[in-house]
Amino acid sequence: MDLVYTQPLKELLQITSYFKENVVVIVDNEKDEKVAKTNSLIPCYLVDESTKDISKLSQKKKAVIGGSIKANEFACRINADFLLQPSNTKQFFDLGLAQKLFDNGTIVVLMFEELMSKNSFERHQYWKNFVEVVRYCKMKKVPFIVASGTKDPLHIRPRKVRSSLAQMLGLDNESAEKALSIKLD
């Protein structure tokens, strides 16, 4: 399983068929959702506190971009399916949050493209904080994945690369592969 942002469909379909992997596409509207569904992609709505009518999305996949205490707690409150980037240059992840995410069945996601877009000092801070995030996820058995997280189909990373990155962050080989193999209904 990989997560990417909405992008040109033709290129996305070519790349994903090459990698033979389920792709979750983060969408903004119903039109994009329908296009994703008709092309065997899994649509997921990106929500935040300003999103109106979150109740309409109760039966759909939801993702929240974390990175602050408020955003991380919001993801727990709405039972989001994915918590993207729960930490950035500052650490906003702890055992209490990990337990809430486990109880909700939320998957914690490192968006690789965002990490790569930072300068070397910020990258180091991200990496240091995500080592801690992975440690907490392991302790509370919260699924953690590294996703491509890109808006450009040519920047999609193969499964093996993302699994290796998760292992470098502290997951063992079996846990990294198991998390990437999660089936979404």
N, C-alpha and C. Protein backbone atom coordinates (compact mmCIF):
# COMPACT_ATOMS: atom_id res chain seq x y z
N MET A 1 0.84 -1.17 0.00
CA MET A 1 0.00 0.00 0.00
C MET A 1 0.89 1.24 0.00
N ASP A 2 0.51 2.20 -0.81
CA ASP A 2 1.23 3.46 -0.89
C ASP A 2 0.22 4.60 -0.89
N LEU A 3 0.59 5.75 -0.36
CA LEU A 3 -0.26 6.94 -0.36
C LEU A 3 0.36 8.00 -1.23
N VAL A 4 -0.45 8.60 -2.10
CA VAL A 4 0.00 9.70 -2.95
C VAL A 4 -1.10 10.75 -2.99
N TYR A 5 -0.74 11.95 -3.38
CA TYR A 5 -1.73 13.00 -3.56
C TYR A 5 -2.35 12.88 -4.94
N THR A 6 -3.48 13.54 -5.17
CA THR A 6 -4.13 13.54 -6.48
C THR A 6 -3.14 14.04 -7.51
N GLN A 7 -3.08 13.35 -8.63
CA GLN A 7 -2.12 13.68 -9.67
C GLN A 7 -2.62 13.21 -11.02
N PRO A 8 -1.91 13.51 -12.11
CA PRO A 8 -2.39 13.08 -13.43
C PRO A 8 -2.63 11.57 -13.47
N LEU A 9 -3.86 11.20 -13.82
CA LEU A 9 -4.29 9.82 -13.70
C LEU A 9 -3.54 8.87 -14.63
N LYS A 10 -3.31 9.26 -15.84
CA LYS A 10 -2.67 8.37 -16.80
C LYS A 10 -1.30 7.91 -16.32
N GLU A 11 -0.47 8.85 -15.90
CA GLU A 11 0.86 8.51 -15.42
C GLU A 11 0.80 7.70 -14.13
N LEU A 12 -0.12 8.08 -13.25
CA LEU A 12 -0.26 7.35 -11.99
C LEU A 12 -0.62 5.90 -12.24
N LEU A 13 -1.56 5.64 -13.14
CA LEU A 13 -1.96 4.27 -13.45
C LEU A 13 -0.81 3.48 -14.06
N GLN A 14 -0.02 4.11 -14.90
CA GLN A 14 1.12 3.41 -15.50
C GLN A 14 2.14 3.02 -14.44
N ILE A 15 2.46 3.93 -13.57
CA ILE A 15 3.47 3.66 -12.53
C ILE A 15 2.96 2.62 -11.54
N THR A 16 1.71 2.76 -11.09
CA THR A 16 1.19 1.82 -10.10
C THR A 16 1.01 0.43 -10.67
N SER A 17 0.68 0.32 -11.94
CA SER A 17 0.58 -1.02 -12.52
C SER A 17 1.98 -1.64 -12.64
N TYR A 18 2.98 -0.81 -12.85
CA TYR A 18 4.36 -1.31 -12.91
C TYR A 18 4.79 -1.84 -11.55
N PHE A 19 4.48 -1.12 -10.46
CA PHE A 19 4.87 -1.55 -9.12
C PHE A 19 3.93 -2.59 -8.53
N LYS A 20 2.74 -2.79 -9.14
CA LYS A 20 1.77 -3.79 -8.70
C LYS A 20 1.45 -3.65 -7.20
N GLU A 21 0.93 -2.50 -6.86
CA GLU A 21 0.66 -2.22 -5.46
C GLU A 21 -0.63 -1.43 -5.33
N ASN A 22 -1.37 -1.64 -4.24
CA ASN A 22 -2.56 -0.84 -3.97
C ASN A 22 -2.12 0.58 -3.65
N VAL A 23 -2.82 1.54 -4.25
CA VAL A 23 -2.48 2.94 -4.03
C VAL A 23 -3.67 3.67 -3.45
N VAL A 24 -3.44 4.38 -2.36
CA VAL A 24 -4.44 5.25 -1.75
C VAL A 24 -4.16 6.65 -2.28
N VAL A 25 -5.17 7.25 -2.91
CA VAL A 25 -5.03 8.58 -3.47
C VAL A 25 -5.76 9.57 -2.57
N ILE A 26 -5.06 10.58 -2.13
CA ILE A 26 -5.66 11.60 -1.28
C ILE A 26 -6.40 12.58 -2.17
N VAL A 27 -7.72 12.64 -1.99
CA VAL A 27 -8.58 13.44 -2.86
C VAL A 27 -9.21 14.59 -2.08
N ASP A 28 -9.72 15.57 -2.84
CA ASP A 28 -10.35 16.74 -2.24
C ASP A 28 -11.85 16.80 -2.47
N ASN A 29 -12.33 16.12 -3.52
CA ASN A 29 -13.75 16.26 -3.86
C ASN A 29 -14.30 14.94 -4.41
N GLU A 30 -15.62 14.92 -4.60
CA GLU A 30 -16.29 13.70 -5.04
C GLU A 30 -15.91 13.31 -6.47
N LYS A 31 -15.63 14.29 -7.30
CA LYS A 31 -15.23 13.99 -8.68
C LYS A 31 -13.94 13.17 -8.70
N ASP A 32 -12.94 13.62 -7.93
CA ASP A 32 -11.68 12.87 -7.84
C ASP A 32 -11.89 11.49 -7.22
N GLU A 33 -12.82 11.42 -6.26
CA GLU A 33 -13.12 10.13 -5.63
C GLU A 33 -13.67 9.14 -6.65
N LYS A 34 -14.61 9.59 -7.48
CA LYS A 34 -15.20 8.71 -8.49
C LYS A 34 -14.16 8.24 -9.50
N VAL A 35 -13.30 9.15 -9.92
CA VAL A 35 -12.24 8.80 -10.87
C VAL A 35 -11.31 7.76 -10.25
N ALA A 36 -10.96 7.94 -9.00
CA ALA A 36 -10.08 6.99 -8.32
C ALA A 36 -10.73 5.62 -8.20
N LYS A 37 -12.00 5.59 -7.81
CA LYS A 37 -12.69 4.31 -7.66
C LYS A 37 -12.82 3.57 -8.98
N THR A 38 -13.13 4.28 -10.05
CA THR A 38 -13.30 3.61 -11.35
C THR A 38 -11.98 3.08 -11.89
N ASN A 39 -10.87 3.54 -11.36
CA ASN A 39 -9.56 3.08 -11.84
C ASN A 39 -8.83 2.22 -10.81
N SER A 40 -9.58 1.58 -9.93
CA SER A 40 -9.04 0.64 -8.93
C SER A 40 -8.06 1.28 -7.97
N LEU A 41 -8.22 2.56 -7.71
CA LEU A 41 -7.43 3.24 -6.70
C LEU A 41 -8.31 3.46 -5.48
N ILE A 42 -7.72 3.59 -4.33
CA ILE A 42 -8.49 3.77 -3.09
C ILE A 42 -8.51 5.26 -2.75
N PRO A 43 -9.69 5.89 -2.79
CA PRO A 43 -9.76 7.32 -2.45
C PRO A 43 -9.74 7.55 -0.95
N CYS A 44 -9.13 8.64 -0.54
CA CYS A 44 -9.05 9.00 0.86
C CYS A 44 -9.14 10.53 0.95
N TYR A 45 -10.04 11.03 1.76
CA TYR A 45 -10.23 12.47 1.89
C TYR A 45 -9.25 13.05 2.90
N LEU A 46 -8.66 14.17 2.54
CA LEU A 46 -7.79 14.91 3.43
C LEU A 46 -8.66 15.90 4.20
N VAL A 47 -8.70 15.75 5.52
CA VAL A 47 -9.56 16.61 6.34
C VAL A 47 -8.71 17.34 7.39
N ASP A 48 -9.25 18.45 7.84
CA ASP A 48 -8.67 19.17 8.96
C ASP A 48 -9.80 19.81 9.74
N GLU A 49 -9.48 20.61 10.72
CA GLU A 49 -10.52 21.19 11.57
C GLU A 49 -11.43 22.15 10.83
N SER A 50 -10.99 22.68 9.72
CA SER A 50 -11.82 23.61 8.96
C SER A 50 -12.75 22.89 7.97
N THR A 51 -12.61 21.59 7.83
CA THR A 51 -13.45 20.83 6.91
C THR A 51 -14.89 20.83 7.40
N LYS A 52 -15.78 21.20 6.48
CA LYS A 52 -17.21 21.23 6.83
C LYS A 52 -17.81 19.86 6.57
N ASP A 53 -18.78 19.49 7.35
CA ASP A 53 -19.53 18.24 7.20
C ASP A 53 -18.65 17.01 7.20
N ILE A 54 -17.83 16.89 8.24
CA ILE A 54 -17.01 15.69 8.38
C ILE A 54 -17.91 14.47 8.56
N SER A 55 -19.10 14.68 9.09
CA SER A 55 -20.04 13.56 9.29
C SER A 55 -20.42 12.90 7.98
N LYS A 56 -20.39 13.67 6.86
CA LYS A 56 -20.70 13.09 5.55
C LYS A 56 -19.62 12.10 5.10
N LEU A 57 -18.46 12.22 5.67
CA LEU A 57 -17.34 11.37 5.30
C LEU A 57 -17.18 10.17 6.23
N SER A 58 -18.19 9.89 7.04
CA SER A 58 -18.05 8.85 8.06
C SER A 58 -17.78 7.47 7.47
N GLN A 59 -18.28 7.16 6.30
CA GLN A 59 -18.08 5.85 5.68
C GLN A 59 -16.91 5.84 4.70
N LYS A 60 -16.17 6.93 4.63
CA LYS A 60 -15.06 7.04 3.67
C LYS A 60 -13.74 7.09 4.42
N LYS A 61 -12.68 6.83 3.70
CA LYS A 61 -11.34 6.91 4.28
C LYS A 61 -10.99 8.38 4.50
N LYS A 62 -10.35 8.65 5.67
CA LYS A 62 -9.97 10.01 6.01
C LYS A 62 -8.50 10.04 6.43
N ALA A 63 -7.83 11.09 6.03
CA ALA A 63 -6.44 11.32 6.43
C ALA A 63 -6.32 12.71 7.02
N VAL A 64 -5.47 12.84 8.03
CA VAL A 64 -5.21 14.13 8.67
C VAL A 64 -3.71 14.37 8.64
N ILE A 65 -3.31 15.56 8.24
CA ILE A 65 -1.89 15.92 8.31
C ILE A 65 -1.63 16.41 9.72
N GLY A 66 -0.76 15.70 10.41
CA GLY A 66 -0.42 16.04 11.79
C GLY A 66 0.67 17.09 11.82
N GLY A 67 1.49 17.02 12.83
CA GLY A 67 2.60 17.95 12.94
C GLY A 67 2.41 18.95 14.06
N SER A 68 1.30 18.84 14.76
CA SER A 68 1.06 19.67 15.95
C SER A 68 0.21 18.85 16.91
N ILE A 69 0.21 19.24 18.15
CA ILE A 69 -0.58 18.52 19.14
C ILE A 69 -2.06 18.57 18.76
N LYS A 70 -2.51 19.73 18.34
CA LYS A 70 -3.92 19.93 17.98
C LYS A 70 -4.32 19.04 16.80
N ALA A 71 -3.50 19.00 15.75
CA ALA A 71 -3.81 18.20 14.57
C ALA A 71 -3.77 16.70 14.88
N ASN A 72 -2.79 16.27 15.68
CA ASN A 72 -2.70 14.86 16.04
C ASN A 72 -3.91 14.42 16.87
N GLU A 73 -4.33 15.25 17.80
CA GLU A 73 -5.50 14.93 18.62
C GLU A 73 -6.78 14.96 17.77
N PHE A 74 -6.83 15.85 16.80
CA PHE A 74 -7.98 15.90 15.89
C PHE A 74 -8.12 14.58 15.13
N ALA A 75 -7.01 14.02 14.70
CA ALA A 75 -7.04 12.73 13.99
C ALA A 75 -7.62 11.64 14.89
N CYS A 76 -7.28 11.67 16.16
CA CYS A 76 -7.84 10.69 17.10
C CYS A 76 -9.34 10.92 17.30
N ARG A 77 -9.72 12.17 17.42
CA ARG A 77 -11.11 12.52 17.68
C ARG A 77 -12.05 12.08 16.56
N ILE A 78 -11.62 12.19 15.31
CA ILE A 78 -12.51 11.85 14.20
C ILE A 78 -12.29 10.41 13.70
N ASN A 79 -11.43 9.66 14.37
CA ASN A 79 -11.11 8.28 13.96
C ASN A 79 -10.59 8.24 12.53
N ALA A 80 -9.60 9.05 12.25
CA ALA A 80 -9.00 9.09 10.91
C ALA A 80 -8.34 7.75 10.61
N ASP A 81 -8.34 7.37 9.34
CA ASP A 81 -7.69 6.13 8.93
C ASP A 81 -6.18 6.29 8.86
N PHE A 82 -5.72 7.51 8.52
CA PHE A 82 -4.30 7.78 8.38
C PHE A 82 -3.94 9.07 9.10
N LEU A 83 -2.84 9.05 9.83
CA LEU A 83 -2.25 10.26 10.41
C LEU A 83 -0.95 10.48 9.66
N LEU A 84 -0.95 11.50 8.79
CA LEU A 84 0.21 11.81 7.96
C LEU A 84 1.13 12.78 8.70
N GLN A 85 2.41 12.50 8.70
CA GLN A 85 3.40 13.40 9.27
C GLN A 85 3.04 13.85 10.69
N PRO A 86 2.89 12.92 11.66
CA PRO A 86 2.53 13.33 13.02
C PRO A 86 3.60 14.14 13.72
N SER A 87 4.78 14.15 13.13
CA SER A 87 5.90 14.88 13.71
C SER A 87 6.65 15.54 12.57
N ASN A 88 7.30 16.65 12.85
CA ASN A 88 8.11 17.29 11.83
C ASN A 88 9.42 17.72 12.48
N THR A 89 9.80 18.97 12.40
CA THR A 89 11.04 19.39 13.03
C THR A 89 10.90 19.45 14.55
N LYS A 90 9.67 19.38 15.04
CA LYS A 90 9.41 19.30 16.47
C LYS A 90 8.67 17.99 16.75
N GLN A 91 8.82 17.45 17.94
CA GLN A 91 8.23 16.17 18.28
C GLN A 91 6.87 16.39 18.94
N PHE A 92 5.80 15.83 18.32
CA PHE A 92 4.45 15.95 18.87
C PHE A 92 3.81 14.59 19.05
N PHE A 93 4.60 13.57 19.28
CA PHE A 93 4.10 12.20 19.36
C PHE A 93 4.56 11.60 20.68
N ASP A 94 3.62 10.93 21.39
CA ASP A 94 3.99 10.30 22.64
C ASP A 94 3.22 8.99 22.80
N LEU A 95 3.44 8.29 23.90
CA LEU A 95 2.79 7.00 24.12
C LEU A 95 1.28 7.11 24.23
N GLY A 96 0.80 8.18 24.84
CA GLY A 96 -0.65 8.38 24.96
C GLY A 96 -1.31 8.51 23.60
N LEU A 97 -0.71 9.27 22.72
CA LEU A 97 -1.23 9.41 21.37
C LEU A 97 -1.15 8.09 20.62
N ALA A 98 -0.06 7.36 20.79
CA ALA A 98 0.08 6.06 20.14
C ALA A 98 -1.02 5.10 20.59
N GLN A 99 -1.37 5.12 21.86
CA GLN A 99 -2.44 4.25 22.36
C GLN A 99 -3.79 4.63 21.74
N LYS A 100 -4.06 5.93 21.65
CA LYS A 100 -5.32 6.38 21.04
C LYS A 100 -5.38 5.97 19.57
N LEU A 101 -4.26 6.09 18.87
CA LEU A 101 -4.23 5.69 17.46
C LEU A 101 -4.44 4.20 17.31
N PHE A 102 -3.86 3.42 18.20
CA PHE A 102 -4.06 1.97 18.17
C PHE A 102 -5.53 1.63 18.40
N ASP A 103 -6.15 2.28 19.37
CA ASP A 103 -7.56 2.03 19.68
C ASP A 103 -8.46 2.38 18.50
N ASN A 104 -8.09 3.40 17.72
CA ASN A 104 -8.89 3.82 16.57
C ASN A 104 -8.55 3.05 15.29
N GLY A 105 -7.45 2.31 15.30
CA GLY A 105 -7.03 1.60 14.10
C GLY A 105 -6.42 2.53 13.06
N THR A 106 -5.82 3.61 13.51
CA THR A 106 -5.21 4.59 12.61
C THR A 106 -3.80 4.15 12.23
N ILE A 107 -3.44 4.39 10.98
CA ILE A 107 -2.12 4.07 10.47
C ILE A 107 -1.29 5.35 10.47
N VAL A 108 -0.10 5.30 11.03
CA VAL A 108 0.81 6.44 11.06
C VAL A 108 1.67 6.39 9.80
N VAL A 109 1.79 7.54 9.13
CA VAL A 109 2.46 7.57 7.83
C VAL A 109 3.53 8.66 7.78
N LEU A 110 4.72 8.25 7.32
CA LEU A 110 5.77 9.20 6.98
C LEU A 110 5.69 9.43 5.48
N MET A 111 5.44 10.67 5.07
CA MET A 111 5.36 11.01 3.65
C MET A 111 6.79 11.32 3.18
N PHE A 112 7.37 10.40 2.44
CA PHE A 112 8.77 10.48 2.06
C PHE A 112 9.09 11.74 1.25
N GLU A 113 8.19 12.14 0.37
CA GLU A 113 8.44 13.31 -0.48
C GLU A 113 8.62 14.58 0.37
N GLU A 114 7.85 14.69 1.45
CA GLU A 114 7.99 15.86 2.32
C GLU A 114 9.35 15.86 3.01
N LEU A 115 9.79 14.71 3.44
CA LEU A 115 11.11 14.59 4.06
C LEU A 115 12.20 15.03 3.08
N MET A 116 12.10 14.59 1.84
CA MET A 116 13.13 14.89 0.85
C MET A 116 13.14 16.36 0.42
N SER A 117 12.02 17.05 0.62
CA SER A 117 11.95 18.46 0.20
C SER A 117 12.62 19.41 1.19
N LYS A 118 13.02 18.89 2.34
CA LYS A 118 13.62 19.74 3.37
C LYS A 118 15.13 19.85 3.19
N ASN A 119 15.72 20.87 3.81
CA ASN A 119 17.18 20.98 3.77
C ASN A 119 17.80 19.96 4.72
N SER A 120 19.10 19.81 4.71
CA SER A 120 19.75 18.74 5.45
C SER A 120 19.53 18.84 6.96
N PHE A 121 19.52 20.05 7.51
CA PHE A 121 19.31 20.19 8.95
C PHE A 121 17.89 19.77 9.34
N GLU A 122 16.89 20.24 8.57
CA GLU A 122 15.50 19.86 8.85
C GLU A 122 15.30 18.37 8.65
N ARG A 123 15.94 17.80 7.64
CA ARG A 123 15.85 16.35 7.39
C ARG A 123 16.36 15.57 8.60
N HIS A 124 17.44 16.05 9.16
CA HIS A 124 18.00 15.40 10.34
C HIS A 124 17.00 15.45 11.50
N GLN A 125 16.35 16.60 11.69
CA GLN A 125 15.35 16.72 12.76
C GLN A 125 14.16 15.80 12.51
N TYR A 126 13.68 15.75 11.26
CA TYR A 126 12.58 14.84 10.91
C TYR A 126 12.98 13.41 11.25
N TRP A 127 14.17 13.03 10.79
CA TRP A 127 14.62 11.66 10.97
C TRP A 127 14.70 11.30 12.46
N LYS A 128 15.30 12.18 13.24
CA LYS A 128 15.43 11.96 14.68
C LYS A 128 14.05 11.80 15.33
N ASN A 129 13.11 12.64 14.95
CA ASN A 129 11.77 12.57 15.54
C ASN A 129 11.01 11.33 15.08
N PHE A 130 11.20 10.92 13.83
CA PHE A 130 10.50 9.74 13.36
C PHE A 130 11.09 8.45 13.92
N VAL A 131 12.34 8.46 14.33
CA VAL A 131 12.88 7.30 15.04
C VAL A 131 12.10 7.10 16.34
N GLU A 132 11.79 8.20 17.02
CA GLU A 132 10.98 8.15 18.24
C GLU A 132 9.54 7.72 17.93
N VAL A 133 8.97 8.24 16.85
CA VAL A 133 7.61 7.88 16.46
C VAL A 133 7.53 6.37 16.23
N VAL A 134 8.48 5.83 15.51
CA VAL A 134 8.49 4.39 15.24
C VAL A 134 8.63 3.60 16.53
N ARG A 135 9.47 4.08 17.42
CA ARG A 135 9.65 3.39 18.71
C ARG A 135 8.32 3.33 19.48
N TYR A 136 7.60 4.45 19.52
CA TYR A 136 6.30 4.47 20.20
C TYR A 136 5.28 3.59 19.47
N CYS A 137 5.30 3.61 18.15
CA CYS A 137 4.38 2.78 17.38
C CYS A 137 4.64 1.30 17.64
N LYS A 138 5.90 0.92 17.73
CA LYS A 138 6.23 -0.48 18.03
C LYS A 138 5.74 -0.87 19.41
N MET A 139 5.90 0.02 20.38
CA MET A 139 5.50 -0.28 21.76
C MET A 139 4.00 -0.50 21.86
N LYS A 140 3.22 0.27 21.11
CA LYS A 140 1.76 0.20 21.19
C LYS A 140 1.14 -0.56 20.02
N LYS A 141 1.99 -1.14 19.14
CA LYS A 141 1.53 -1.95 18.00
C LYS A 141 0.66 -1.16 17.01
N VAL A 142 1.03 0.10 16.80
CA VAL A 142 0.36 0.96 15.83
C VAL A 142 1.03 0.74 14.48
N PRO A 143 0.26 0.47 13.41
CA PRO A 143 0.88 0.31 12.10
C PRO A 143 1.57 1.59 11.66
N PHE A 144 2.79 1.45 11.16
CA PHE A 144 3.58 2.58 10.66
C PHE A 144 4.05 2.23 9.26
N ILE A 145 3.85 3.16 8.32
CA ILE A 145 4.36 2.93 6.96
C ILE A 145 5.09 4.17 6.46
N VAL A 146 5.99 3.94 5.54
CA VAL A 146 6.62 5.02 4.79
C VAL A 146 5.92 5.03 3.44
N ALA A 147 5.33 6.17 3.07
CA ALA A 147 4.61 6.30 1.80
C ALA A 147 5.36 7.27 0.90
N SER A 148 5.14 7.12 -0.39
CA SER A 148 5.78 8.04 -1.34
C SER A 148 5.34 9.47 -1.07
N GLY A 149 4.03 9.67 -0.87
CA GLY A 149 3.50 10.99 -0.52
C GLY A 149 3.81 12.06 -1.54
N THR A 150 3.72 11.74 -2.79
CA THR A 150 4.12 12.66 -3.84
C THR A 150 2.95 13.16 -4.67
N LYS A 151 3.17 14.26 -5.34
CA LYS A 151 2.19 14.79 -6.29
C LYS A 151 2.64 14.54 -7.72
N ASP A 152 3.82 13.96 -7.87
CA ASP A 152 4.38 13.66 -9.18
C ASP A 152 4.52 12.14 -9.33
N PRO A 153 3.88 11.54 -10.34
CA PRO A 153 3.94 10.09 -10.47
C PRO A 153 5.35 9.53 -10.65
N LEU A 154 6.26 10.33 -11.16
CA LEU A 154 7.62 9.84 -11.35
C LEU A 154 8.42 9.79 -10.06
N HIS A 155 7.88 10.34 -8.98
CA HIS A 155 8.56 10.30 -7.69
C HIS A 155 8.01 9.20 -6.78
N ILE A 156 7.15 8.35 -7.29
CA ILE A 156 6.65 7.23 -6.49
C ILE A 156 7.80 6.28 -6.23
N ARG A 157 7.94 5.88 -4.99
CA ARG A 157 9.04 5.00 -4.58
C ARG A 157 8.57 3.55 -4.55
N PRO A 158 9.41 2.62 -4.99
CA PRO A 158 9.03 1.21 -4.94
C PRO A 158 8.87 0.72 -3.51
N ARG A 159 8.12 -0.32 -3.35
CA ARG A 159 7.82 -0.91 -2.05
C ARG A 159 9.11 -1.26 -1.30
N LYS A 160 10.07 -1.83 -1.99
CA LYS A 160 11.32 -2.25 -1.35
C LYS A 160 12.05 -1.07 -0.72
N VAL A 161 12.05 0.07 -1.38
CA VAL A 161 12.71 1.27 -0.87
C VAL A 161 11.99 1.76 0.39
N ARG A 162 10.66 1.80 0.32
CA ARG A 162 9.89 2.29 1.47
C ARG A 162 10.01 1.34 2.66
N SER A 163 10.04 0.04 2.40
CA SER A 163 10.23 -0.94 3.46
C SER A 163 11.61 -0.78 4.10
N SER A 164 12.63 -0.56 3.29
CA SER A 164 13.98 -0.36 3.81
C SER A 164 14.08 0.90 4.67
N LEU A 165 13.38 1.96 4.26
CA LEU A 165 13.38 3.19 5.06
C LEU A 165 12.72 2.95 6.42
N ALA A 166 11.62 2.19 6.43
CA ALA A 166 10.96 1.87 7.69
C ALA A 166 11.88 1.06 8.59
N GLN A 167 12.65 0.15 7.99
CA GLN A 167 13.60 -0.63 8.78
C GLN A 167 14.72 0.25 9.34
N MET A 168 15.16 1.22 8.55
CA MET A 168 16.20 2.13 9.03
C MET A 168 15.69 2.97 10.20
N LEU A 169 14.38 3.23 10.22
CA LEU A 169 13.79 4.00 11.31
C LEU A 169 13.59 3.15 12.57
N GLY A 170 13.69 1.82 12.45
CA GLY A 170 13.60 0.99 13.64
C GLY A 170 12.65 -0.18 13.57
N LEU A 171 11.89 -0.31 12.50
CA LEU A 171 11.01 -1.48 12.38
C LEU A 171 11.83 -2.68 11.93
N ASP A 172 11.39 -3.87 12.35
CA ASP A 172 12.06 -5.05 11.84
C ASP A 172 11.47 -5.38 10.46
N ASN A 173 12.12 -6.24 9.73
CA ASN A 173 11.75 -6.56 8.35
C ASN A 173 10.30 -7.05 8.26
N GLU A 174 9.91 -7.93 9.16
CA GLU A 174 8.56 -8.50 9.13
C GLU A 174 7.50 -7.43 9.37
N SER A 175 7.72 -6.55 10.34
CA SER A 175 6.75 -5.49 10.65
C SER A 175 6.63 -4.50 9.50
N ALA A 176 7.75 -4.16 8.87
CA ALA A 176 7.72 -3.21 7.75
C ALA A 176 6.93 -3.79 6.58
N GLU A 177 7.16 -5.06 6.26
CA GLU A 177 6.43 -5.69 5.16
C GLU A 177 4.96 -5.88 5.50
N LYS A 178 4.68 -6.25 6.73
CA LYS A 178 3.28 -6.44 7.15
C LYS A 178 2.49 -5.14 7.07
N ALA A 179 3.10 -4.04 7.49
CA ALA A 179 2.41 -2.76 7.45
C ALA A 179 2.12 -2.33 6.02
N LEU A 180 3.04 -2.58 5.10
CA LEU A 180 2.83 -2.21 3.70
C LEU A 180 1.83 -3.12 3.01
N SER A 181 1.52 -4.27 3.64
CA SER A 181 0.59 -5.23 3.04
C SER A 181 -0.83 -5.11 3.61
N ILE A 182 -1.08 -4.10 4.42
CA ILE A 182 -2.42 -3.92 5.01
C ILE A 182 -3.44 -3.77 3.90
N LYS A 183 -4.51 -4.53 3.99
CA LYS A 183 -5.60 -4.46 3.01
C LYS A 183 -6.66 -3.52 3.54
N LEU A 184 -7.04 -2.56 2.73
CA LEU A 184 -8.11 -1.62 3.10
C LEU A 184 -9.37 -2.05 2.39
N ASP A 185 -10.48 -2.05 3.11
CA ASP A 185 -11.75 -2.44 2.49
C ASP A 185 -12.51 -1.27 1.99
